[in-house]
Amino acid sequence: EDTKDQKDASLRPPDTPCSEKNPCEAGEGSCKEHSDCKKGLECWFTREGVGPPGVNMSSLSKDKRSTQICFDPGVQSAFLGLGIPAYYEHLKAALVGWLQRGA
């Protein structure tokens, strides 16, 4: 269970995508990189419809759930995504970035 209320995922129309000049909010997509999201948020990619902590992907139709969604990386979830590759891929990217910054 998440420690904050979940936001329902939503996708912007193709003519107004997330961008550095027009960043997405948490739960909004489709982003391509972290800079497409508002400050403090990150872009989460899923191929399996597994949403990031704090985002309810079930608000999207099943054919739209494999997408990129902005999320708050500070939201903690009791569900650790054990056995779900998308969670491990995100964790790996976060750790590599942290180490590359000299942590």
N, C-alpha and C. Protein backbone atom coordinates (compact mmCIF):
# COMPACT_ATOMS: atom_id res chain seq x y z
N GLU A 1 0.84 -1.19 0.00
CA GLU A 1 0.00 0.00 0.00
C GLU A 1 0.88 1.24 0.00
N ASP A 2 0.54 2.22 -0.79
CA ASP A 2 1.31 3.45 -0.86
C ASP A 2 1.06 4.30 0.36
N THR A 3 2.05 5.14 0.70
CA THR A 3 1.91 6.00 1.86
C THR A 3 1.21 7.30 1.53
N LYS A 4 0.94 7.59 0.27
CA LYS A 4 0.17 8.75 -0.17
C LYS A 4 -0.95 8.23 -1.05
N ASP A 5 -1.99 9.06 -1.23
CA ASP A 5 -3.06 8.67 -2.15
C ASP A 5 -2.50 8.50 -3.56
N GLN A 6 -3.00 7.49 -4.24
CA GLN A 6 -2.57 7.26 -5.61
C GLN A 6 -3.25 8.24 -6.55
N LYS A 7 -2.51 8.64 -7.58
CA LYS A 7 -3.06 9.48 -8.64
C LYS A 7 -3.44 8.56 -9.79
N ASP A 8 -4.58 8.83 -10.38
CA ASP A 8 -4.98 8.06 -11.56
C ASP A 8 -4.11 8.48 -12.75
N ALA A 9 -3.59 7.51 -13.47
CA ALA A 9 -2.77 7.79 -14.65
C ALA A 9 -3.63 8.40 -15.74
N SER A 10 -3.04 9.34 -16.47
CA SER A 10 -3.72 9.93 -17.63
C SER A 10 -2.68 10.23 -18.69
N LEU A 11 -3.09 10.17 -19.93
CA LEU A 11 -2.19 10.44 -21.05
C LEU A 11 -2.63 11.73 -21.73
N ARG A 12 -1.64 12.56 -22.05
CA ARG A 12 -1.93 13.79 -22.80
C ARG A 12 -2.24 13.45 -24.25
N PRO A 13 -2.99 14.32 -24.92
CA PRO A 13 -3.21 14.11 -26.36
C PRO A 13 -1.87 14.20 -27.11
N PRO A 14 -1.74 13.49 -28.22
CA PRO A 14 -0.48 13.48 -28.98
C PRO A 14 0.03 14.87 -29.38
N ASP A 15 -0.88 15.83 -29.54
CA ASP A 15 -0.44 17.16 -29.98
C ASP A 15 0.05 18.03 -28.82
N THR A 16 -0.04 17.55 -27.57
CA THR A 16 0.48 18.28 -26.42
C THR A 16 1.27 17.35 -25.51
N PRO A 17 2.35 16.75 -26.04
CA PRO A 17 3.11 15.78 -25.24
C PRO A 17 3.85 16.44 -24.07
N CYS A 18 4.24 15.61 -23.14
CA CYS A 18 5.10 16.08 -22.05
C CYS A 18 6.41 16.55 -22.67
N SER A 19 6.93 17.65 -22.19
CA SER A 19 8.20 18.16 -22.70
C SER A 19 8.84 19.03 -21.63
N GLU A 20 10.09 19.40 -21.85
CA GLU A 20 10.78 20.26 -20.90
C GLU A 20 10.05 21.61 -20.79
N LYS A 21 9.51 22.09 -21.90
CA LYS A 21 8.78 23.38 -21.89
C LYS A 21 7.37 23.24 -21.35
N ASN A 22 6.81 22.04 -21.41
CA ASN A 22 5.44 21.79 -20.96
C ASN A 22 5.42 20.47 -20.18
N PRO A 23 6.06 20.46 -18.98
CA PRO A 23 6.24 19.21 -18.26
C PRO A 23 4.95 18.63 -17.68
N CYS A 24 4.95 17.32 -17.53
CA CYS A 24 3.80 16.60 -16.99
C CYS A 24 3.83 16.57 -15.47
N GLU A 25 2.65 16.42 -14.91
CA GLU A 25 2.45 16.25 -13.47
C GLU A 25 2.63 14.76 -13.12
N ALA A 26 2.66 14.45 -11.84
CA ALA A 26 2.69 13.05 -11.40
C ALA A 26 1.43 12.34 -11.88
N GLY A 27 1.62 11.17 -12.46
CA GLY A 27 0.51 10.38 -12.98
C GLY A 27 0.15 10.71 -14.41
N GLU A 28 0.88 11.65 -15.00
CA GLU A 28 0.57 12.09 -16.36
C GLU A 28 1.65 11.62 -17.32
N GLY A 29 1.28 11.30 -18.53
CA GLY A 29 2.24 10.88 -19.53
C GLY A 29 1.76 11.34 -20.90
N SER A 30 2.52 11.11 -21.84
CA SER A 30 3.64 10.19 -21.95
C SER A 30 4.95 10.99 -22.01
N CYS A 31 5.85 10.69 -21.08
CA CYS A 31 7.15 11.33 -21.03
C CYS A 31 8.17 10.46 -21.75
N LYS A 32 9.29 11.06 -22.13
CA LYS A 32 10.38 10.31 -22.77
C LYS A 32 11.63 10.33 -21.90
N GLU A 33 11.75 11.35 -21.04
CA GLU A 33 12.89 11.46 -20.13
C GLU A 33 12.47 12.26 -18.91
N HIS A 34 13.30 12.26 -17.87
CA HIS A 34 12.96 12.92 -16.62
C HIS A 34 12.64 14.40 -16.81
N SER A 35 13.33 15.06 -17.74
CA SER A 35 13.11 16.50 -17.95
C SER A 35 11.73 16.81 -18.54
N ASP A 36 11.02 15.78 -18.99
CA ASP A 36 9.65 15.97 -19.49
C ASP A 36 8.64 16.05 -18.34
N CYS A 37 9.12 15.83 -17.12
CA CYS A 37 8.27 15.84 -15.93
C CYS A 37 8.57 17.08 -15.09
N LYS A 38 7.58 17.51 -14.31
CA LYS A 38 7.77 18.66 -13.43
C LYS A 38 8.94 18.39 -12.48
N LYS A 39 9.53 19.47 -11.97
CA LYS A 39 10.69 19.37 -11.07
C LYS A 39 10.40 18.43 -9.91
N GLY A 40 11.34 17.54 -9.64
CA GLY A 40 11.21 16.58 -8.56
C GLY A 40 10.57 15.27 -8.97
N LEU A 41 10.04 15.21 -10.19
CA LEU A 41 9.42 13.99 -10.68
C LEU A 41 10.35 13.29 -11.66
N GLU A 42 10.09 12.01 -11.89
CA GLU A 42 10.86 11.23 -12.85
C GLU A 42 9.92 10.52 -13.81
N CYS A 43 10.49 10.10 -14.93
CA CYS A 43 9.73 9.39 -15.96
C CYS A 43 9.90 7.88 -15.74
N TRP A 44 8.79 7.17 -15.65
CA TRP A 44 8.78 5.72 -15.42
C TRP A 44 8.27 5.03 -16.66
N PHE A 45 9.03 4.07 -17.18
CA PHE A 45 8.60 3.32 -18.35
C PHE A 45 8.17 1.92 -17.92
N THR A 46 7.04 1.49 -18.42
CA THR A 46 6.59 0.13 -18.16
C THR A 46 6.14 -0.53 -19.45
N ARG A 47 6.52 -1.77 -19.61
CA ARG A 47 6.05 -2.56 -20.73
C ARG A 47 4.94 -3.50 -20.30
N GLU A 48 4.73 -3.61 -19.01
CA GLU A 48 3.78 -4.59 -18.50
C GLU A 48 2.58 -3.95 -17.81
N GLY A 49 2.45 -2.64 -17.90
CA GLY A 49 1.34 -1.97 -17.23
C GLY A 49 1.54 -1.83 -15.74
N VAL A 50 2.76 -2.10 -15.25
CA VAL A 50 3.06 -1.96 -13.84
C VAL A 50 3.40 -0.50 -13.59
N GLY A 51 2.60 0.16 -12.81
CA GLY A 51 2.81 1.57 -12.56
C GLY A 51 3.82 1.83 -11.47
N PRO A 52 4.33 3.04 -11.45
CA PRO A 52 5.25 3.43 -10.38
C PRO A 52 4.49 3.64 -9.09
N PRO A 53 5.19 3.68 -7.96
CA PRO A 53 4.52 3.97 -6.70
C PRO A 53 3.75 5.28 -6.79
N GLY A 54 2.53 5.28 -6.27
CA GLY A 54 1.72 6.48 -6.24
C GLY A 54 0.87 6.73 -7.47
N VAL A 55 0.93 5.83 -8.46
CA VAL A 55 0.15 6.02 -9.69
C VAL A 55 -0.71 4.78 -9.96
N ASN A 56 -1.99 5.00 -10.17
CA ASN A 56 -2.93 3.94 -10.46
C ASN A 56 -3.05 3.77 -11.97
N MET A 57 -2.39 2.77 -12.52
CA MET A 57 -2.40 2.53 -13.96
C MET A 57 -3.72 1.94 -14.43
N SER A 58 -4.54 1.41 -13.54
CA SER A 58 -5.79 0.78 -13.96
C SER A 58 -6.79 1.80 -14.49
N SER A 59 -6.49 3.09 -14.30
CA SER A 59 -7.37 4.13 -14.86
C SER A 59 -7.21 4.24 -16.37
N LEU A 60 -6.17 3.61 -16.93
CA LEU A 60 -5.95 3.60 -18.38
C LEU A 60 -6.49 2.30 -18.96
N SER A 61 -6.94 2.34 -20.20
CA SER A 61 -7.36 1.11 -20.86
C SER A 61 -6.13 0.19 -20.98
N LYS A 62 -6.36 -1.11 -21.02
CA LYS A 62 -5.25 -2.07 -21.03
C LYS A 62 -4.27 -1.83 -22.17
N ASP A 63 -4.74 -1.40 -23.33
CA ASP A 63 -3.84 -1.18 -24.46
C ASP A 63 -2.98 0.08 -24.28
N LYS A 64 -3.28 0.90 -23.30
CA LYS A 64 -2.52 2.14 -23.06
C LYS A 64 -1.59 2.04 -21.83
N ARG A 65 -1.59 0.91 -21.14
CA ARG A 65 -0.86 0.80 -19.88
C ARG A 65 0.65 0.62 -20.05
N SER A 66 1.12 0.24 -21.22
CA SER A 66 2.57 0.12 -21.45
C SER A 66 3.05 1.45 -22.00
N THR A 67 3.34 2.36 -21.10
CA THR A 67 3.68 3.73 -21.48
C THR A 67 4.64 4.34 -20.47
N GLN A 68 4.99 5.59 -20.68
CA GLN A 68 5.84 6.32 -19.76
C GLN A 68 4.98 7.31 -18.98
N ILE A 69 5.13 7.28 -17.67
CA ILE A 69 4.32 8.11 -16.77
C ILE A 69 5.24 8.84 -15.80
N CYS A 70 4.98 10.11 -15.57
CA CYS A 70 5.73 10.86 -14.56
C CYS A 70 5.27 10.43 -13.17
N PHE A 71 6.21 10.35 -12.25
CA PHE A 71 5.87 9.96 -10.88
C PHE A 71 6.81 10.62 -9.89
N ASP A 72 6.41 10.62 -8.64
CA ASP A 72 7.21 11.17 -7.56
C ASP A 72 8.07 10.04 -6.99
N PRO A 73 9.40 10.09 -7.18
CA PRO A 73 10.24 9.00 -6.68
C PRO A 73 10.31 8.96 -5.16
N GLY A 74 9.80 10.00 -4.49
CA GLY A 74 9.79 10.03 -3.03
C GLY A 74 8.64 9.25 -2.41
N VAL A 75 7.67 8.85 -3.23
CA VAL A 75 6.54 8.07 -2.72
C VAL A 75 7.04 6.66 -2.44
N GLN A 76 6.81 6.20 -1.25
CA GLN A 76 7.23 4.86 -0.87
C GLN A 76 6.05 3.92 -0.94
N SER A 77 6.31 2.71 -1.33
CA SER A 77 5.25 1.72 -1.45
C SER A 77 5.64 0.48 -0.67
N ALA A 78 4.66 -0.08 0.03
CA ALA A 78 4.91 -1.33 0.74
C ALA A 78 5.08 -2.47 -0.25
N PHE A 79 4.48 -2.33 -1.44
CA PHE A 79 4.63 -3.33 -2.49
C PHE A 79 5.91 -3.04 -3.23
N LEU A 80 6.85 -3.94 -3.15
CA LEU A 80 8.17 -3.71 -3.73
C LEU A 80 8.30 -4.22 -5.15
N GLY A 81 7.25 -4.74 -5.71
CA GLY A 81 7.32 -5.21 -7.09
C GLY A 81 8.16 -6.46 -7.24
N LEU A 82 8.20 -7.26 -6.21
CA LEU A 82 9.02 -8.46 -6.27
C LEU A 82 8.64 -9.32 -7.46
N GLY A 83 9.62 -9.64 -8.27
CA GLY A 83 9.39 -10.48 -9.44
C GLY A 83 8.93 -9.72 -10.67
N ILE A 84 8.81 -8.40 -10.58
CA ILE A 84 8.35 -7.61 -11.73
C ILE A 84 9.55 -6.86 -12.30
N PRO A 85 9.99 -7.23 -13.49
CA PRO A 85 11.20 -6.64 -14.08
C PRO A 85 11.20 -5.12 -14.16
N ALA A 86 10.06 -4.49 -14.38
CA ALA A 86 10.02 -3.03 -14.51
C ALA A 86 10.51 -2.35 -13.23
N TYR A 87 10.18 -2.89 -12.07
CA TYR A 87 10.64 -2.30 -10.82
C TYR A 87 12.16 -2.44 -10.70
N TYR A 88 12.68 -3.60 -11.05
CA TYR A 88 14.12 -3.81 -10.96
C TYR A 88 14.89 -2.93 -11.95
N GLU A 89 14.33 -2.75 -13.14
CA GLU A 89 14.97 -1.88 -14.13
C GLU A 89 15.05 -0.45 -13.62
N HIS A 90 13.96 0.04 -13.02
CA HIS A 90 13.97 1.40 -12.47
C HIS A 90 14.97 1.52 -11.31
N LEU A 91 14.97 0.54 -10.42
CA LEU A 91 15.90 0.56 -9.29
C LEU A 91 17.34 0.55 -9.78
N LYS A 92 17.64 -0.28 -10.75
CA LYS A 92 18.99 -0.34 -11.31
C LYS A 92 19.40 1.01 -11.89
N ALA A 93 18.52 1.64 -12.69
CA ALA A 93 18.82 2.94 -13.29
C ALA A 93 19.04 4.00 -12.21
N ALA A 94 18.22 3.97 -11.17
CA ALA A 94 18.37 4.93 -10.08
C ALA A 94 19.71 4.75 -9.35
N LEU A 95 20.08 3.51 -9.10
CA LEU A 95 21.34 3.24 -8.41
C LEU A 95 22.55 3.60 -9.27
N VAL A 96 22.50 3.28 -10.55
CA VAL A 96 23.60 3.63 -11.46
C VAL A 96 23.76 5.14 -11.51
N GLY A 97 22.65 5.88 -11.63
CA GLY A 97 22.71 7.34 -11.65
C GLY A 97 23.29 7.90 -10.38
N TRP A 98 22.89 7.34 -9.26
CA TRP A 98 23.39 7.76 -7.95
C TRP A 98 24.90 7.54 -7.86
N LEU A 99 25.35 6.38 -8.30
CA LEU A 99 26.79 6.07 -8.26
C LEU A 99 27.58 6.94 -9.23
N GLN A 100 27.02 7.23 -10.40
CA GLN A 100 27.71 8.06 -11.37
C GLN A 100 27.85 9.51 -10.88
N ARG A 101 26.95 9.92 -10.00
CA ARG A 101 27.05 11.28 -9.45
C ARG A 101 28.06 11.34 -8.30
N GLY A 102 28.70 10.22 -8.01
CA GLY A 102 29.77 10.21 -7.02
C GLY A 102 29.33 9.85 -5.62
N ALA A 103 28.23 9.15 -5.50
CA ALA A 103 27.73 8.77 -4.18
C ALA A 103 28.58 7.67 -3.59
